[in-house]
Amino acid sequence: MTAHRVMLIRSRLETAFSPVELEIADESHLHAGHAGAREGKGHFRVKIVAESFAGKGRLERHRMVFAALGELMQTDIHALSVTAAPPQS
């Protein structure tokens, strides 16, 4: 199930942003017994670098990532740590 969730997250983010860098880490094992883990949802860390984030503030970039993930934020993801940035010039 975890590999499937990572694949879903990757697919959504690649489609939305065409990132030059994308790292997804499943950290669910660090949260065993936590409320979200008991519900079967996962904890993930995402680092994404994409031109779409140029000129956007941190909060706006995070909102863009959450919007791209859509219903996964309700059904599959309990917690998500996001690092989102534009490419360095």
Protein backbone atom coordinates (compact mmCIF):
# COMPACT_ATOMS: atom_id res chain seq x y z
CA MET A 1 0.00 0.00 0.00
CA THR A 2 2.81 2.40 0.84
CA ALA A 3 4.58 2.02 -2.51
CA HIS A 4 1.23 2.59 -4.20
CA ARG A 5 0.71 5.83 -2.25
CA VAL A 6 4.17 7.08 -3.15
CA MET A 7 3.42 6.30 -6.80
CA LEU A 8 0.13 8.25 -6.59
CA ILE A 9 1.83 11.23 -4.98
CA ARG A 10 4.62 11.17 -7.58
CA SER A 11 2.15 10.94 -10.46
CA ARG A 12 0.06 13.87 -9.23
CA LEU A 13 3.06 16.11 -8.61
CA GLU A 14 4.79 15.25 -11.88
CA THR A 15 1.59 15.95 -13.82
CA ALA A 16 0.94 19.25 -12.06
CA PHE A 17 4.46 20.69 -11.96
CA SER A 18 6.88 18.84 -14.29
CA PRO A 19 9.51 19.13 -11.57
CA VAL A 20 13.24 19.19 -12.21
CA GLU A 21 13.67 17.48 -8.83
CA LEU A 22 11.22 15.39 -6.83
CA GLU A 23 11.92 13.36 -3.72
CA ILE A 24 9.22 11.55 -1.77
CA ALA A 25 9.92 9.81 1.52
CA ASP A 26 7.44 7.64 3.35
CA GLU A 27 7.91 8.35 7.05
CA SER A 28 4.86 6.43 8.23
CA HIS A 29 6.99 3.99 10.20
CA LEU A 30 8.11 6.89 12.42
CA HIS A 31 4.51 7.53 13.46
CA ALA A 32 3.32 4.05 14.45
CA GLY A 33 0.40 4.35 16.86
CA HIS A 34 -0.31 7.95 15.86
CA ALA A 35 -3.94 8.76 15.02
CA GLY A 36 -3.35 8.96 11.27
CA ALA A 37 -1.42 5.69 11.29
CA ARG A 38 -4.28 3.95 13.10
CA GLU A 39 -6.64 5.18 10.36
CA GLY A 40 -4.35 3.68 7.72
CA LYS A 41 -3.15 6.98 6.29
CA GLY A 42 0.51 7.79 5.73
CA HIS A 43 3.08 10.37 6.75
CA PHE A 44 5.22 11.67 3.90
CA ARG A 45 7.99 14.17 3.22
CA VAL A 46 8.17 15.81 -0.23
CA LYS A 47 10.93 17.92 -1.74
CA ILE A 48 9.95 19.40 -5.09
CA VAL A 49 11.74 21.88 -7.32
CA ALA A 50 9.75 23.29 -10.24
CA GLU A 51 9.56 26.43 -12.33
CA SER A 52 5.89 26.75 -11.30
CA PHE A 53 7.04 27.96 -7.87
CA ALA A 54 9.01 30.94 -9.19
CA GLY A 55 7.77 34.20 -7.68
CA LYS A 56 5.50 32.41 -5.20
CA GLY A 57 5.73 32.65 -1.43
CA ARG A 58 6.21 29.60 0.79
CA LEU A 59 2.56 29.36 1.79
CA GLU A 60 1.34 29.65 -1.80
CA ARG A 61 3.78 26.92 -2.92
CA HIS A 62 2.49 24.61 -0.18
CA ARG A 63 -1.11 25.31 -1.16
CA MET A 64 -0.25 24.48 -4.78
CA VAL A 65 1.19 21.12 -3.71
CA PHE A 66 -1.83 20.32 -1.53
CA ALA A 67 -4.20 21.27 -4.36
CA ALA A 68 -2.31 19.03 -6.81
CA LEU A 69 -2.66 16.10 -4.40
CA GLY A 70 -6.41 16.74 -4.14
CA GLU A 71 -8.42 14.03 -2.42
CA LEU A 72 -5.26 12.09 -1.50
CA MET A 73 -4.93 14.60 1.34
CA GLN A 74 -8.20 13.22 2.73
CA THR A 75 -7.95 9.55 1.82
CA ASP A 76 -4.28 8.53 1.88
CA ILE A 77 -2.16 11.23 3.50
CA HIS A 78 -2.39 12.06 7.18
CA ALA A 79 0.67 14.30 7.34
CA LEU A 80 2.80 15.90 4.66
CA SER A 81 6.02 17.85 5.13
CA VAL A 82 6.68 19.98 2.04
CA THR A 83 9.78 21.70 0.76
CA ALA A 84 8.85 23.41 -2.52
CA ALA A 85 11.11 25.79 -4.41
CA PRO A 86 11.87 27.13 -7.88
CA PRO A 87 15.09 26.01 -9.59
CA GLN A 88 18.21 27.98 -8.66
CA SER A 89 19.53 30.21 -11.41
